[in-house]
Amino acid sequence: MNTSWPSLTEQIFACQACPLARTRTHVVPGEGNLHADLMLIGEGPGEQEDRTGRPFVGPAGQLLDRMLAAIGLTREHVYICNIVKCRPPHNRVPEAEEAAACIGFLRQQTALVQPRIILLLGSTAARTILGEDLRITRDRGVWHLKKGIWVMPTYHPSALLRDETKKRPAWEDFKAVRDKMIKLGIHPGNGEKTEGGLL
């Protein structure tokens, strides 16, 4: 699967593979460090993301920024994207057909970024990547080694805004990500700076 960022971005913006293309305002491909060691994958764009074309810019995104900062990271250190690149109407959960139509883009993004760690934000991302039998309340915080990449599911930031009791376990997951990065020698606090452009 040989592609480039310009080619992939062009494909994503032109996509008409599922009905979400007809209701979107903007496509939201993703953004961040194009060679990030840590990749974060959410569910899909919400209202503010659809309006701006940027992922995680609403209240959930602001919480995500604070959580990243708490483990010594910024958006410049990571790459953030979603399972689907267009907003589902009324922010509903993406349907299986919609996720299937978009999964090729996500695979290409992962191949280009080549992350060492992927953090799956919420049950839709977790089940799409790790299997339909996954349950986020049961399986969050558990590491999986998938094609040489360390993968962990955790709660979506929007779930933390709805239920304060989830903040503590989510914080434990983020600390585990920080510790894994330190163990792998890729945390910015180690003095190793990752470089990459912004998309």
N, C-alpha and C. Protein backbone atom coordinates (compact mmCIF):
# COMPACT_ATOMS: atom_id res chain seq x y z
N MET A 1 0.85 -1.19 0.00
CA MET A 1 0.00 0.00 0.00
C MET A 1 0.89 1.24 0.00
N ASN A 2 1.32 1.64 -1.19
CA ASN A 2 2.19 2.79 -1.31
C ASN A 2 1.35 4.03 -1.59
N THR A 3 1.47 5.02 -0.73
CA THR A 3 0.75 6.27 -0.92
C THR A 3 1.57 7.38 -0.29
N SER A 4 1.10 8.60 -0.39
CA SER A 4 1.76 9.75 0.21
C SER A 4 0.69 10.58 0.91
N TRP A 5 1.11 11.46 1.79
CA TRP A 5 0.14 12.30 2.49
C TRP A 5 -0.69 13.14 1.52
N PRO A 6 -0.09 13.82 0.54
CA PRO A 6 -0.92 14.60 -0.39
C PRO A 6 -1.94 13.74 -1.13
N SER A 7 -1.51 12.56 -1.59
CA SER A 7 -2.42 11.67 -2.32
C SER A 7 -3.54 11.18 -1.42
N LEU A 8 -3.19 10.77 -0.20
CA LEU A 8 -4.20 10.26 0.73
C LEU A 8 -5.19 11.36 1.11
N THR A 9 -4.69 12.55 1.38
CA THR A 9 -5.57 13.66 1.75
C THR A 9 -6.54 13.97 0.62
N GLU A 10 -6.05 13.93 -0.60
CA GLU A 10 -6.90 14.18 -1.76
C GLU A 10 -7.99 13.12 -1.86
N GLN A 11 -7.64 11.86 -1.62
CA GLN A 11 -8.61 10.77 -1.66
C GLN A 11 -9.70 10.96 -0.59
N ILE A 12 -9.27 11.35 0.62
CA ILE A 12 -10.22 11.52 1.72
C ILE A 12 -11.21 12.64 1.41
N PHE A 13 -10.69 13.76 0.90
CA PHE A 13 -11.57 14.89 0.62
C PHE A 13 -12.54 14.60 -0.51
N ALA A 14 -12.15 13.73 -1.44
CA ALA A 14 -12.99 13.43 -2.59
C ALA A 14 -13.95 12.27 -2.32
N CYS A 15 -13.83 11.62 -1.18
CA CYS A 15 -14.57 10.38 -0.93
C CYS A 15 -16.10 10.60 -0.93
N GLN A 16 -16.78 9.70 -1.62
CA GLN A 16 -18.25 9.66 -1.64
C GLN A 16 -18.74 8.23 -1.36
N ALA A 17 -17.93 7.47 -0.61
CA ALA A 17 -18.17 6.02 -0.48
C ALA A 17 -19.34 5.66 0.42
N CYS A 18 -19.81 6.60 1.26
CA CYS A 18 -20.94 6.28 2.12
C CYS A 18 -21.83 7.50 2.25
N PRO A 19 -23.04 7.36 2.79
CA PRO A 19 -23.99 8.48 2.86
C PRO A 19 -23.52 9.68 3.69
N LEU A 20 -22.53 9.49 4.57
CA LEU A 20 -22.05 10.61 5.38
C LEU A 20 -21.49 11.74 4.52
N ALA A 21 -21.03 11.41 3.32
CA ALA A 21 -20.47 12.43 2.44
C ALA A 21 -21.52 13.46 2.05
N ARG A 22 -22.79 13.06 2.04
CA ARG A 22 -23.85 13.97 1.59
C ARG A 22 -24.27 14.97 2.66
N THR A 23 -23.96 14.69 3.92
CA THR A 23 -24.42 15.55 5.00
C THR A 23 -23.29 16.31 5.68
N ARG A 24 -22.05 16.07 5.28
CA ARG A 24 -20.92 16.72 5.94
C ARG A 24 -20.80 18.18 5.49
N THR A 25 -20.22 19.00 6.37
CA THR A 25 -19.80 20.35 6.01
C THR A 25 -18.34 20.32 5.58
N HIS A 26 -17.51 19.70 6.41
CA HIS A 26 -16.10 19.52 6.10
C HIS A 26 -15.68 18.08 6.39
N VAL A 27 -14.78 17.57 5.60
CA VAL A 27 -14.11 16.32 5.92
C VAL A 27 -13.11 16.60 7.02
N VAL A 28 -12.93 15.63 7.93
CA VAL A 28 -11.98 15.80 9.04
C VAL A 28 -10.98 14.65 8.97
N PRO A 29 -9.91 14.81 8.17
CA PRO A 29 -8.98 13.69 7.99
C PRO A 29 -8.15 13.36 9.22
N GLY A 30 -7.68 14.38 9.93
CA GLY A 30 -6.81 14.19 11.08
C GLY A 30 -5.76 15.26 11.08
N GLU A 31 -4.99 15.33 12.17
CA GLU A 31 -3.93 16.33 12.23
C GLU A 31 -2.92 15.95 13.29
N GLY A 32 -1.76 16.58 13.20
CA GLY A 32 -0.72 16.37 14.20
C GLY A 32 0.62 16.07 13.56
N ASN A 33 1.46 15.40 14.32
CA ASN A 33 2.80 15.05 13.88
C ASN A 33 2.71 13.87 12.91
N LEU A 34 3.16 14.09 11.69
CA LEU A 34 3.02 13.05 10.66
C LEU A 34 3.96 11.87 10.87
N HIS A 35 4.86 11.97 11.84
CA HIS A 35 5.75 10.86 12.18
C HIS A 35 5.67 10.58 13.68
N ALA A 36 4.47 10.73 14.23
CA ALA A 36 4.28 10.62 15.68
C ALA A 36 4.52 9.19 16.17
N ASP A 37 5.09 9.09 17.37
CA ASP A 37 5.22 7.79 18.02
C ASP A 37 3.91 7.34 18.64
N LEU A 38 3.03 8.31 18.95
CA LEU A 38 1.74 8.02 19.56
C LEU A 38 0.63 8.52 18.64
N MET A 39 -0.28 7.61 18.29
CA MET A 39 -1.43 7.94 17.45
C MET A 39 -2.69 7.74 18.27
N LEU A 40 -3.61 8.69 18.22
CA LEU A 40 -4.88 8.60 18.93
C LEU A 40 -6.00 8.49 17.90
N ILE A 41 -6.88 7.51 18.09
CA ILE A 41 -7.97 7.27 17.16
C ILE A 41 -9.30 7.34 17.91
N GLY A 42 -10.16 8.26 17.47
CA GLY A 42 -11.48 8.39 18.07
C GLY A 42 -12.56 7.80 17.19
N GLU A 43 -13.78 8.24 17.42
CA GLU A 43 -14.94 7.66 16.74
C GLU A 43 -15.24 8.37 15.42
N GLY A 44 -15.57 9.64 15.51
CA GLY A 44 -15.90 10.42 14.33
C GLY A 44 -16.04 11.88 14.69
N PRO A 45 -16.07 12.76 13.70
CA PRO A 45 -16.20 14.19 13.99
C PRO A 45 -17.56 14.52 14.61
N GLY A 46 -17.55 15.53 15.48
CA GLY A 46 -18.79 16.08 16.01
C GLY A 46 -19.14 17.37 15.30
N GLU A 47 -20.04 18.13 15.88
CA GLU A 47 -20.54 19.35 15.23
C GLU A 47 -19.42 20.37 15.00
N GLN A 48 -18.61 20.62 16.04
CA GLN A 48 -17.56 21.63 15.89
C GLN A 48 -16.45 21.14 14.97
N GLU A 49 -16.19 19.85 14.98
CA GLU A 49 -15.19 19.29 14.08
C GLU A 49 -15.65 19.38 12.63
N ASP A 50 -16.92 19.12 12.41
CA ASP A 50 -17.50 19.22 11.07
C ASP A 50 -17.44 20.66 10.56
N ARG A 51 -17.59 21.60 11.47
CA ARG A 51 -17.58 23.01 11.11
C ARG A 51 -16.17 23.49 10.77
N THR A 52 -15.17 22.97 11.49
CA THR A 52 -13.80 23.48 11.34
C THR A 52 -12.90 22.60 10.47
N GLY A 53 -13.26 21.31 10.31
CA GLY A 53 -12.40 20.39 9.59
C GLY A 53 -11.23 19.87 10.42
N ARG A 54 -11.28 20.09 11.73
CA ARG A 54 -10.20 19.64 12.63
C ARG A 54 -10.76 18.65 13.66
N PRO A 55 -9.98 17.64 14.03
CA PRO A 55 -10.46 16.65 15.00
C PRO A 55 -10.34 17.15 16.44
N PHE A 56 -11.30 16.78 17.26
CA PHE A 56 -11.23 17.02 18.70
C PHE A 56 -10.99 18.49 19.04
N VAL A 57 -11.90 19.36 18.59
CA VAL A 57 -11.78 20.77 18.92
C VAL A 57 -12.91 21.25 19.84
N GLY A 58 -13.89 20.40 20.09
CA GLY A 58 -14.98 20.75 20.99
C GLY A 58 -14.59 20.52 22.44
N PRO A 59 -15.56 20.47 23.35
CA PRO A 59 -15.27 20.25 24.77
C PRO A 59 -14.47 18.97 25.03
N ALA A 60 -14.80 17.89 24.31
CA ALA A 60 -14.05 16.65 24.50
C ALA A 60 -12.60 16.82 24.06
N GLY A 61 -12.40 17.58 22.99
CA GLY A 61 -11.04 17.83 22.52
C GLY A 61 -10.24 18.68 23.49
N GLN A 62 -10.91 19.64 24.12
CA GLN A 62 -10.22 20.47 25.11
C GLN A 62 -9.80 19.62 26.31
N LEU A 63 -10.66 18.68 26.71
CA LEU A 63 -10.30 17.77 27.80
C LEU A 63 -9.13 16.88 27.37
N LEU A 64 -9.17 16.40 26.12
CA LEU A 64 -8.07 15.58 25.62
C LEU A 64 -6.75 16.35 25.65
N ASP A 65 -6.78 17.61 25.26
CA ASP A 65 -5.56 18.43 25.31
C ASP A 65 -5.01 18.50 26.73
N ARG A 66 -5.90 18.67 27.71
CA ARG A 66 -5.45 18.75 29.11
C ARG A 66 -4.87 17.42 29.58
N MET A 67 -5.47 16.32 29.14
CA MET A 67 -4.97 15.01 29.54
C MET A 67 -3.60 14.74 28.91
N LEU A 68 -3.44 15.14 27.66
CA LEU A 68 -2.12 15.00 27.03
C LEU A 68 -1.09 15.84 27.75
N ALA A 69 -1.47 17.07 28.08
CA ALA A 69 -0.54 17.96 28.79
C ALA A 69 -0.12 17.37 30.12
N ALA A 70 -1.05 16.68 30.78
CA ALA A 70 -0.76 16.10 32.09
C ALA A 70 0.30 15.01 32.03
N ILE A 71 0.49 14.40 30.84
CA ILE A 71 1.55 13.39 30.70
C ILE A 71 2.70 13.92 29.85
N GLY A 72 2.78 15.25 29.74
CA GLY A 72 3.93 15.87 29.10
C GLY A 72 3.89 15.91 27.59
N LEU A 73 2.68 15.86 27.00
CA LEU A 73 2.56 15.85 25.54
C LEU A 73 1.67 16.99 25.07
N THR A 74 1.85 17.39 23.81
CA THR A 74 0.98 18.34 23.15
C THR A 74 0.51 17.72 21.83
N ARG A 75 -0.34 18.41 21.13
CA ARG A 75 -0.79 17.92 19.82
C ARG A 75 0.37 17.82 18.83
N GLU A 76 1.40 18.60 19.06
CA GLU A 76 2.56 18.53 18.16
C GLU A 76 3.34 17.23 18.32
N HIS A 77 3.10 16.51 19.41
CA HIS A 77 3.79 15.24 19.66
C HIS A 77 3.03 14.04 19.10
N VAL A 78 1.74 14.19 18.81
CA VAL A 78 0.89 13.05 18.50
C VAL A 78 0.18 13.26 17.16
N TYR A 79 -0.42 12.19 16.64
CA TYR A 79 -1.30 12.30 15.48
C TYR A 79 -2.69 11.87 15.91
N ILE A 80 -3.71 12.69 15.61
CA ILE A 80 -5.07 12.44 16.05
C ILE A 80 -5.99 12.30 14.83
N CYS A 81 -6.78 11.24 14.82
CA CYS A 81 -7.76 11.07 13.74
C CYS A 81 -8.94 10.26 14.28
N ASN A 82 -9.85 9.90 13.39
CA ASN A 82 -11.05 9.16 13.77
C ASN A 82 -11.28 7.97 12.85
N ILE A 83 -12.13 7.06 13.30
CA ILE A 83 -12.52 5.92 12.47
C ILE A 83 -13.19 6.41 11.19
N VAL A 84 -14.18 7.31 11.31
CA VAL A 84 -14.81 7.90 10.13
C VAL A 84 -14.40 9.36 10.02
N LYS A 85 -14.28 9.84 8.80
CA LYS A 85 -13.76 11.18 8.54
C LYS A 85 -14.86 12.22 8.35
N CYS A 86 -16.12 11.80 8.33
CA CYS A 86 -17.26 12.71 8.18
C CYS A 86 -18.19 12.55 9.37
N ARG A 87 -18.84 13.62 9.75
CA ARG A 87 -19.71 13.59 10.93
C ARG A 87 -20.98 12.78 10.68
N PRO A 88 -21.26 11.80 11.53
CA PRO A 88 -22.57 11.14 11.47
C PRO A 88 -23.65 12.11 11.95
N PRO A 89 -24.82 12.10 11.32
CA PRO A 89 -25.89 13.02 11.72
C PRO A 89 -26.21 12.92 13.21
N HIS A 90 -26.36 14.08 13.83
CA HIS A 90 -26.70 14.17 15.25
C HIS A 90 -25.66 13.49 16.15
N ASN A 91 -24.43 13.36 15.64
CA ASN A 91 -23.33 12.74 16.41
C ASN A 91 -23.62 11.30 16.82
N ARG A 92 -24.44 10.62 16.06
CA ARG A 92 -24.71 9.22 16.40
C ARG A 92 -23.47 8.37 16.16
N VAL A 93 -23.49 7.15 16.68
CA VAL A 93 -22.39 6.21 16.49
C VAL A 93 -22.29 5.84 15.01
N PRO A 94 -21.10 5.83 14.43
CA PRO A 94 -20.98 5.41 13.03
C PRO A 94 -21.49 3.98 12.83
N GLU A 95 -22.19 3.77 11.72
CA GLU A 95 -22.66 2.43 11.41
C GLU A 95 -21.52 1.59 10.84
N ALA A 96 -21.69 0.28 10.89
CA ALA A 96 -20.63 -0.63 10.45
C ALA A 96 -20.22 -0.37 9.01
N GLU A 97 -21.21 -0.09 8.15
CA GLU A 97 -20.91 0.17 6.74
C GLU A 97 -20.09 1.44 6.56
N GLU A 98 -20.37 2.44 7.40
CA GLU A 98 -19.64 3.71 7.33
C GLU A 98 -18.19 3.51 7.78
N ALA A 99 -18.01 2.77 8.87
CA ALA A 99 -16.66 2.48 9.33
C ALA A 99 -15.89 1.66 8.30
N ALA A 100 -16.57 0.71 7.68
CA ALA A 100 -15.92 -0.13 6.66
C ALA A 100 -15.50 0.70 5.46
N ALA A 101 -16.30 1.70 5.10
CA ALA A 101 -15.97 2.54 3.95
C ALA A 101 -14.75 3.40 4.21
N CYS A 102 -14.48 3.69 5.49
CA CYS A 102 -13.39 4.59 5.87
C CYS A 102 -12.12 3.86 6.34
N ILE A 103 -12.22 2.58 6.64
CA ILE A 103 -11.11 1.90 7.31
C ILE A 103 -9.84 1.88 6.46
N GLY A 104 -9.99 1.87 5.14
CA GLY A 104 -8.81 1.90 4.28
C GLY A 104 -8.00 3.16 4.47
N PHE A 105 -8.68 4.29 4.67
CA PHE A 105 -7.99 5.55 4.92
C PHE A 105 -7.19 5.47 6.22
N LEU A 106 -7.81 4.89 7.26
CA LEU A 106 -7.13 4.77 8.55
C LEU A 106 -5.90 3.87 8.43
N ARG A 107 -6.02 2.79 7.67
CA ARG A 107 -4.86 1.90 7.49
C ARG A 107 -3.72 2.64 6.79
N GLN A 108 -4.07 3.47 5.80
CA GLN A 108 -3.03 4.22 5.11
C GLN A 108 -2.41 5.27 6.02
N GLN A 109 -3.23 5.92 6.85
CA GLN A 109 -2.69 6.89 7.80
C GLN A 109 -1.72 6.22 8.76
N THR A 110 -2.10 5.06 9.26
CA THR A 110 -1.23 4.34 10.20
C THR A 110 0.07 3.93 9.52
N ALA A 111 -0.03 3.50 8.26
CA ALA A 111 1.18 3.10 7.53
C ALA A 111 2.11 4.28 7.31
N LEU A 112 1.55 5.47 7.10
CA LEU A 112 2.37 6.65 6.89
C LEU A 112 2.98 7.17 8.19
N VAL A 113 2.17 7.21 9.25
CA VAL A 113 2.67 7.70 10.54
C VAL A 113 3.69 6.74 11.15
N GLN A 114 3.40 5.44 11.03
CA GLN A 114 4.23 4.40 11.66
C GLN A 114 4.40 4.63 13.17
N PRO A 115 3.28 4.70 13.90
CA PRO A 115 3.37 4.93 15.35
C PRO A 115 3.90 3.72 16.08
N ARG A 116 4.46 3.94 17.23
CA ARG A 116 4.86 2.84 18.11
C ARG A 116 3.71 2.44 19.03
N ILE A 117 2.82 3.43 19.33
CA ILE A 117 1.70 3.22 20.24
C ILE A 117 0.44 3.82 19.63
N ILE A 118 -0.69 3.12 19.77
CA ILE A 118 -1.99 3.66 19.37
C ILE A 118 -2.91 3.62 20.59
N LEU A 119 -3.53 4.76 20.88
CA LEU A 119 -4.52 4.85 21.95
C LEU A 119 -5.89 4.98 21.29
N LEU A 120 -6.76 4.00 21.57
CA LEU A 120 -8.10 3.97 20.99
C LEU A 120 -9.08 4.64 21.95
N LEU A 121 -9.71 5.72 21.49
CA LEU A 121 -10.57 6.52 22.35
C LEU A 121 -12.03 6.12 22.15
N GLY A 122 -12.53 5.30 23.07
CA GLY A 122 -13.93 4.92 23.04
C GLY A 122 -14.20 3.57 22.40
N SER A 123 -15.42 3.09 22.59
CA SER A 123 -15.75 1.73 22.19
C SER A 123 -15.80 1.55 20.68
N THR A 124 -16.23 2.57 19.93
CA THR A 124 -16.29 2.41 18.47
C THR A 124 -14.90 2.18 17.90
N ALA A 125 -13.94 3.00 18.31
CA ALA A 125 -12.56 2.82 17.83
C ALA A 125 -12.01 1.48 18.30
N ALA A 126 -12.25 1.15 19.56
CA ALA A 126 -11.70 -0.08 20.12
C ALA A 126 -12.26 -1.32 19.43
N ARG A 127 -13.57 -1.33 19.19
CA ARG A 127 -14.18 -2.50 18.57
C ARG A 127 -13.82 -2.61 17.09
N THR A 128 -13.67 -1.48 16.44
CA THR A 128 -13.28 -1.50 15.02
C THR A 128 -11.88 -2.07 14.85
N ILE A 129 -10.98 -1.71 15.74
CA ILE A 129 -9.57 -2.12 15.61
C ILE A 129 -9.30 -3.46 16.28
N LEU A 130 -9.92 -3.72 17.42
CA LEU A 130 -9.57 -4.91 18.20
C LEU A 130 -10.62 -6.01 18.18
N GLY A 131 -11.79 -5.75 17.60
CA GLY A 131 -12.79 -6.81 17.50
C GLY A 131 -14.10 -6.46 18.18
N GLU A 132 -15.18 -6.98 17.62
CA GLU A 132 -16.52 -6.62 18.08
C GLU A 132 -16.84 -7.12 19.48
N ASP A 133 -16.09 -8.11 19.97
CA ASP A 133 -16.40 -8.62 21.30
C ASP A 133 -15.79 -7.77 22.41
N LEU A 134 -15.04 -6.73 22.05
CA LEU A 134 -14.42 -5.88 23.06
C LEU A 134 -15.47 -5.06 23.79
N ARG A 135 -15.33 -4.93 25.08
CA ARG A 135 -16.19 -4.08 25.90
C ARG A 135 -15.31 -3.07 26.62
N ILE A 136 -15.56 -1.79 26.39
CA ILE A 136 -14.64 -0.76 26.85
C ILE A 136 -14.53 -0.72 28.37
N THR A 137 -15.64 -0.95 29.09
CA THR A 137 -15.57 -0.91 30.55
C THR A 137 -14.76 -2.09 31.09
N ARG A 138 -14.80 -3.20 30.39
CA ARG A 138 -14.07 -4.40 30.83
C ARG A 138 -12.62 -4.40 30.35
N ASP A 139 -12.40 -3.92 29.13
CA ASP A 139 -11.11 -4.13 28.48
C ASP A 139 -10.23 -2.89 28.39
N ARG A 140 -10.71 -1.75 28.86
CA ARG A 140 -9.88 -0.55 28.80
C ARG A 140 -8.63 -0.75 29.66
N GLY A 141 -7.55 -0.10 29.23
CA GLY A 141 -6.31 -0.17 29.99
C GLY A 141 -5.46 -1.40 29.74
N VAL A 142 -5.92 -2.29 28.84
CA VAL A 142 -5.19 -3.52 28.54
C VAL A 142 -4.38 -3.33 27.26
N TRP A 143 -3.10 -3.65 27.32
CA TRP A 143 -2.24 -3.52 26.14
C TRP A 143 -2.42 -4.70 25.19
N HIS A 144 -2.41 -4.40 23.90
CA HIS A 144 -2.43 -5.41 22.85
C HIS A 144 -1.27 -5.10 21.91
N LEU A 145 -0.52 -6.12 21.50
CA LEU A 145 0.54 -5.94 20.53
C LEU A 145 0.01 -6.38 19.18
N LYS A 146 -0.17 -5.41 18.28
CA LYS A 146 -0.82 -5.68 16.99
C LYS A 146 0.11 -5.21 15.88
N LYS A 147 0.65 -6.17 15.13
CA LYS A 147 1.57 -5.87 14.03
C LYS A 147 2.72 -4.98 14.48
N GLY A 148 3.24 -5.28 15.66
CA GLY A 148 4.39 -4.55 16.17
C GLY A 148 4.06 -3.22 16.83
N ILE A 149 2.78 -2.88 16.92
CA ILE A 149 2.35 -1.61 17.53
C ILE A 149 1.63 -1.92 18.84
N TRP A 150 1.99 -1.19 19.91
CA TRP A 150 1.29 -1.35 21.18
C TRP A 150 -0.02 -0.57 21.12
N VAL A 151 -1.14 -1.26 21.37
CA VAL A 151 -2.46 -0.68 21.24
C VAL A 151 -3.21 -0.81 22.57
N MET A 152 -3.81 0.31 23.01
CA MET A 152 -4.61 0.28 24.24
C MET A 152 -5.94 1.00 24.03
N PRO A 153 -7.05 0.38 24.43
CA PRO A 153 -8.33 1.09 24.44
C PRO A 153 -8.54 1.83 25.76
N THR A 154 -9.18 2.99 25.68
CA THR A 154 -9.57 3.73 26.87
C THR A 154 -10.88 4.45 26.58
N TYR A 155 -11.40 5.14 27.57
CA TYR A 155 -12.65 5.85 27.38
C TYR A 155 -12.47 7.04 26.44
N HIS A 156 -13.51 7.35 25.70
CA HIS A 156 -13.53 8.56 24.88
C HIS A 156 -13.67 9.76 25.81
N PRO A 157 -12.99 10.87 25.52
CA PRO A 157 -13.12 12.04 26.39
C PRO A 157 -14.56 12.50 26.60
N SER A 158 -15.43 12.33 25.60
CA SER A 158 -16.82 12.74 25.78
C SER A 158 -17.50 11.91 26.85
N ALA A 159 -17.09 10.65 27.01
CA ALA A 159 -17.65 9.81 28.07
C ALA A 159 -17.25 10.34 29.45
N LEU A 160 -16.06 10.91 29.55
CA LEU A 160 -15.61 11.47 30.82
C LEU A 160 -16.40 12.71 31.18
N LEU A 161 -16.84 13.47 30.15
CA LEU A 161 -17.65 14.65 30.40
C LEU A 161 -19.05 14.26 30.88
N ARG A 162 -19.52 13.11 30.44
CA ARG A 162 -20.86 12.64 30.86
C ARG A 162 -20.82 11.93 32.21
N ASP A 163 -19.70 11.31 32.53
CA ASP A 163 -19.61 10.48 33.74
C ASP A 163 -18.26 10.72 34.42
N GLU A 164 -18.29 11.51 35.48
CA GLU A 164 -17.05 11.88 36.19
C GLU A 164 -16.31 10.68 36.75
N THR A 165 -17.03 9.59 37.04
CA THR A 165 -16.38 8.43 37.66
C THR A 165 -15.40 7.75 36.70
N LYS A 166 -15.51 8.04 35.41
CA LYS A 166 -14.60 7.43 34.43
C LYS A 166 -13.27 8.17 34.34
N LYS A 167 -13.19 9.35 34.94
CA LYS A 167 -11.97 10.15 34.79
C LYS A 167 -10.77 9.47 35.45
N ARG A 168 -10.96 8.87 36.62
CA ARG A 168 -9.84 8.23 37.31
C ARG A 168 -9.26 7.08 36.50
N PRO A 169 -10.07 6.10 36.04
CA PRO A 169 -9.48 5.03 35.23
C PRO A 169 -8.87 5.54 33.93
N ALA A 170 -9.47 6.56 33.31
CA ALA A 170 -8.89 7.11 32.08
C ALA A 170 -7.52 7.73 32.37
N TRP A 171 -7.42 8.40 33.51
CA TRP A 171 -6.13 8.99 33.90
C TRP A 171 -5.08 7.90 34.11
N GLU A 172 -5.49 6.78 34.69
CA GLU A 172 -4.56 5.66 34.86
C GLU A 172 -4.09 5.14 33.50
N ASP A 173 -4.99 5.11 32.52
CA ASP A 173 -4.62 4.66 31.18
C ASP A 173 -3.61 5.62 30.55
N PHE A 174 -3.84 6.91 30.69
CA PHE A 174 -2.92 7.89 30.12
C PHE A 174 -1.55 7.79 30.78
N LYS A 175 -1.53 7.55 32.08
CA LYS A 175 -0.23 7.37 32.75
C LYS A 175 0.48 6.12 32.24
N ALA A 176 -0.31 5.07 31.94
CA ALA A 176 0.28 3.85 31.39
C ALA A 176 0.87 4.11 30.01
N VAL A 177 0.23 4.96 29.22
CA VAL A 177 0.78 5.35 27.92
C VAL A 177 2.09 6.09 28.12
N ARG A 178 2.10 7.04 29.05
CA ARG A 178 3.35 7.77 29.33
C ARG A 178 4.45 6.79 29.74
N ASP A 179 4.14 5.86 30.63
CA ASP A 179 5.15 4.91 31.10
C ASP A 179 5.64 4.01 29.96
N LYS A 180 4.73 3.61 29.06
CA LYS A 180 5.14 2.79 27.92
C LYS A 180 6.07 3.58 27.00
N MET A 181 5.76 4.86 26.79
CA MET A 181 6.62 5.70 25.96
C MET A 181 8.00 5.85 26.58
N ILE A 182 8.03 6.02 27.88
CA ILE A 182 9.32 6.14 28.57
C ILE A 182 10.10 4.83 28.44
N LYS A 183 9.42 3.71 28.62
CA LYS A 183 10.07 2.40 28.52
C LYS A 183 10.62 2.17 27.12
N LEU A 184 9.89 2.65 26.10
CA LEU A 184 10.34 2.49 24.72
C LEU A 184 11.35 3.56 24.31
N GLY A 185 11.59 4.53 25.20
CA GLY A 185 12.55 5.58 24.91
C GLY A 185 12.05 6.62 23.93
N ILE A 186 10.71 6.82 23.88
CA ILE A 186 10.15 7.74 22.88
C ILE A 186 9.36 8.88 23.51
N HIS A 187 9.39 9.02 24.83
CA HIS A 187 8.69 10.14 25.45
C HIS A 187 9.53 11.40 25.27
N PRO A 188 8.90 12.53 24.90
CA PRO A 188 9.67 13.76 24.71
C PRO A 188 10.52 14.15 25.92
N GLY A 189 10.06 13.75 27.10
CA GLY A 189 10.82 14.04 28.33
C GLY A 189 12.15 13.32 28.39
N ASN A 190 12.34 12.33 27.51
CA ASN A 190 13.61 11.61 27.46
C ASN A 190 14.69 12.41 26.75
N GLY A 191 14.30 13.54 26.18
CA GLY A 191 15.26 14.33 25.42
C GLY A 191 15.22 13.99 23.94
N GLU A 192 14.42 12.99 23.55
CA GLU A 192 14.27 12.65 22.13
C GLU A 192 13.07 13.40 21.59
N LYS A 193 13.32 14.25 20.62
CA LYS A 193 12.25 15.05 20.05
C LYS A 193 11.80 14.44 18.73
N THR A 194 10.50 14.18 18.60
CA THR A 194 9.98 13.68 17.34
C THR A 194 9.74 14.84 16.40
N GLU A 195 10.00 14.63 15.15
CA GLU A 195 9.84 15.68 14.15
C GLU A 195 8.79 15.27 13.13
N GLY A 196 8.06 16.22 12.64
CA GLY A 196 7.08 15.94 11.60
C GLY A 196 6.28 17.16 11.26
N GLY A 197 5.72 17.18 10.07
CA GLY A 197 4.90 18.32 9.67
C GLY A 197 3.51 18.20 10.27
N LEU A 198 2.72 19.22 10.06
CA LEU A 198 1.35 19.24 10.54
C LEU A 198 0.40 19.13 9.36
N LEU A 199 -0.63 18.30 9.52
CA LEU A 199 -1.63 18.14 8.46
C LEU A 199 -2.93 18.78 8.93
